[in-house]
Amino acid sequence: MDLSPLNSVFRFLGIGWYVVICLMGGVFLGNLIDGKVNYNFPIFTILFTILGAVLAFLGVGLMIRSFIEKNSRGR
């Protein structure tokens, strides 16, 4: 029984969860800090959301590259 398609599905699900955790972590942490400093503008929420998006983008690039390299070596 070949589990290669199922393995690919779980890899892409992991990539999706990685993106969600990075973005939601940035929003949560920024919102938490903004609540402590009491600014009128949610600057930390914006900054940490952008940071989470950058980390998600870089991480997805690395994961996709390793996925492609692994599939290229296997053939």
C-alpha atoms as a PDB file:
ATOM      1  CA  MET A   1       0.000   0.000   0.000  1.00  0.00           C
ATOM      2  CA  ASP A   2       1.498   3.299  -1.117  1.00  0.00           C
ATOM      3  CA  LEU A   3       0.926   6.105   1.390  1.00  0.00           C
ATOM      4  CA  SER A   4       2.571   8.808  -0.728  1.00  0.00           C
ATOM      5  CA  PRO A   5      -0.655  10.736  -1.526  1.00  0.00           C
ATOM      6  CA  LEU A   6      -1.750  10.555   2.099  1.00  0.00           C
ATOM      7  CA  ASN A   7       1.686  11.747   3.218  1.00  0.00           C
ATOM      8  CA  SER A   8       1.380  14.725   0.859  1.00  0.00           C
ATOM      9  CA  VAL A   9      -2.042  15.599   2.231  1.00  0.00           C
ATOM     10  CA  PHE A  10      -0.748  15.657   5.797  1.00  0.00           C
ATOM     11  CA  ARG A  11       2.255  17.748   4.787  1.00  0.00           C
ATOM     12  CA  PHE A  12       0.004  20.379   3.216  1.00  0.00           C
ATOM     13  CA  LEU A  13      -2.306  20.308   6.230  1.00  0.00           C
ATOM     14  CA  GLY A  14       0.747  20.964   8.395  1.00  0.00           C
ATOM     15  CA  ILE A  15       1.691  23.906   6.204  1.00  0.00           C
ATOM     16  CA  GLY A  16      -1.821  25.317   6.582  1.00  0.00           C
ATOM     17  CA  TRP A  17      -1.699  24.982  10.359  1.00  0.00           C
ATOM     18  CA  TYR A  18       1.712  26.643  10.411  1.00  0.00           C
ATOM     19  CA  VAL A  19       0.264  29.671   8.594  1.00  0.00           C
ATOM     20  CA  VAL A  20      -2.724  29.850  10.942  1.00  0.00           C
ATOM     21  CA  ILE A  21      -0.546  29.630  14.059  1.00  0.00           C
ATOM     22  CA  CYS A  22       1.854  32.321  12.803  1.00  0.00           C
ATOM     23  CA  LEU A  23      -0.921  34.754  11.908  1.00  0.00           C
ATOM     24  CA  MET A  24      -3.127  34.138  14.935  1.00  0.00           C
ATOM     25  CA  GLY A  25      -0.109  34.190  17.249  1.00  0.00           C
ATOM     26  CA  GLY A  26       0.884  37.589  15.881  1.00  0.00           C
ATOM     27  CA  VAL A  27      -2.629  38.966  16.298  1.00  0.00           C
ATOM     28  CA  PHE A  28      -2.978  37.541  19.808  1.00  0.00           C
ATOM     29  CA  LEU A  29       0.414  38.727  21.032  1.00  0.00           C
ATOM     30  CA  GLY A  30      -0.013  42.179  19.497  1.00  0.00           C
ATOM     31  CA  ASN A  31      -3.476  42.539  20.972  1.00  0.00           C
ATOM     32  CA  LEU A  32      -2.183  41.461  24.373  1.00  0.00           C
ATOM     33  CA  ILE A  33       0.608  44.056  24.316  1.00  0.00           C
ATOM     34  CA  ASP A  34      -1.751  46.770  23.047  1.00  0.00           C
ATOM     35  CA  GLY A  35      -4.076  46.023  25.948  1.00  0.00           C
ATOM     36  CA  LYS A  36      -1.232  46.551  28.415  1.00  0.00           C
ATOM     37  CA  VAL A  37       0.103  49.842  27.003  1.00  0.00           C
ATOM     38  CA  ASN A  38      -3.305  51.507  26.361  1.00  0.00           C
ATOM     39  CA  TYR A  39      -2.478  53.284  23.098  1.00  0.00           C
ATOM     40  CA  ASN A  40      -5.300  54.753  21.033  1.00  0.00           C
ATOM     41  CA  PHE A  41      -3.923  53.034  17.920  1.00  0.00           C
ATOM     42  CA  PRO A  42      -3.315  49.239  17.801  1.00  0.00           C
ATOM     43  CA  ILE A  43       0.295  49.547  16.636  1.00  0.00           C
ATOM     44  CA  PHE A  44       1.544  46.312  18.215  1.00  0.00           C
ATOM     45  CA  THR A  45      -1.319  44.289  16.752  1.00  0.00           C
ATOM     46  CA  ILE A  46      -0.423  45.563  13.301  1.00  0.00           C
ATOM     47  CA  LEU A  47       3.315  45.027  13.791  1.00  0.00           C
ATOM     48  CA  PHE A  48       2.994  41.497  15.160  1.00  0.00           C
ATOM     49  CA  THR A  49       0.463  40.551  12.483  1.00  0.00           C
ATOM     50  CA  ILE A  50       2.923  41.678   9.815  1.00  0.00           C
ATOM     51  CA  LEU A  51       5.718  39.792  11.594  1.00  0.00           C
ATOM     52  CA  GLY A  52       3.544  36.669  11.715  1.00  0.00           C
ATOM     53  CA  ALA A  53       2.769  36.998   7.999  1.00  0.00           C
ATOM     54  CA  VAL A  54       6.477  37.325   7.155  1.00  0.00           C
ATOM     55  CA  LEU A  55       7.333  34.285   9.288  1.00  0.00           C
ATOM     56  CA  ALA A  56       4.496  32.326   7.675  1.00  0.00           C
ATOM     57  CA  PHE A  57       5.660  33.300   4.183  1.00  0.00           C
ATOM     58  CA  LEU A  58       9.269  32.304   4.868  1.00  0.00           C
ATOM     59  CA  GLY A  59       8.286  29.070   6.605  1.00  0.00           C
ATOM     60  CA  VAL A  60       5.927  28.041   3.827  1.00  0.00           C
ATOM     61  CA  GLY A  61       8.671  28.686   1.278  1.00  0.00           C
ATOM     62  CA  LEU A  62      11.067  26.434   3.168  1.00  0.00           C
ATOM     63  CA  MET A  63       8.461  23.711   3.642  1.00  0.00           C
ATOM     64  CA  ILE A  64       7.427  23.739  -0.016  1.00  0.00           C
ATOM     65  CA  ARG A  65      11.069  23.656  -1.123  1.00  0.00           C
ATOM     66  CA  SER A  66      11.794  20.633   1.094  1.00  0.00           C
ATOM     67  CA  PHE A  67       8.626  18.949  -0.169  1.00  0.00           C
ATOM     68  CA  ILE A  68       9.685  19.461  -3.797  1.00  0.00           C
ATOM     69  CA  GLU A  69      13.243  18.283  -3.124  1.00  0.00           C
ATOM     70  CA  LYS A  70      12.004  15.172  -1.330  1.00  0.00           C
ATOM     71  CA  ASN A  71       9.655  14.296  -4.200  1.00  0.00           C
ATOM     72  CA  SER A  72      12.369  14.937  -6.804  1.00  0.00           C
ATOM     73  CA  ARG A  73      14.836  12.599  -5.045  1.00  0.00           C
ATOM     74  CA  GLY A  74      12.229   9.882  -4.695  1.00  0.00           C
ATOM     75  CA  ARG A  75      11.813   9.489  -8.460  1.00  0.00           C
END
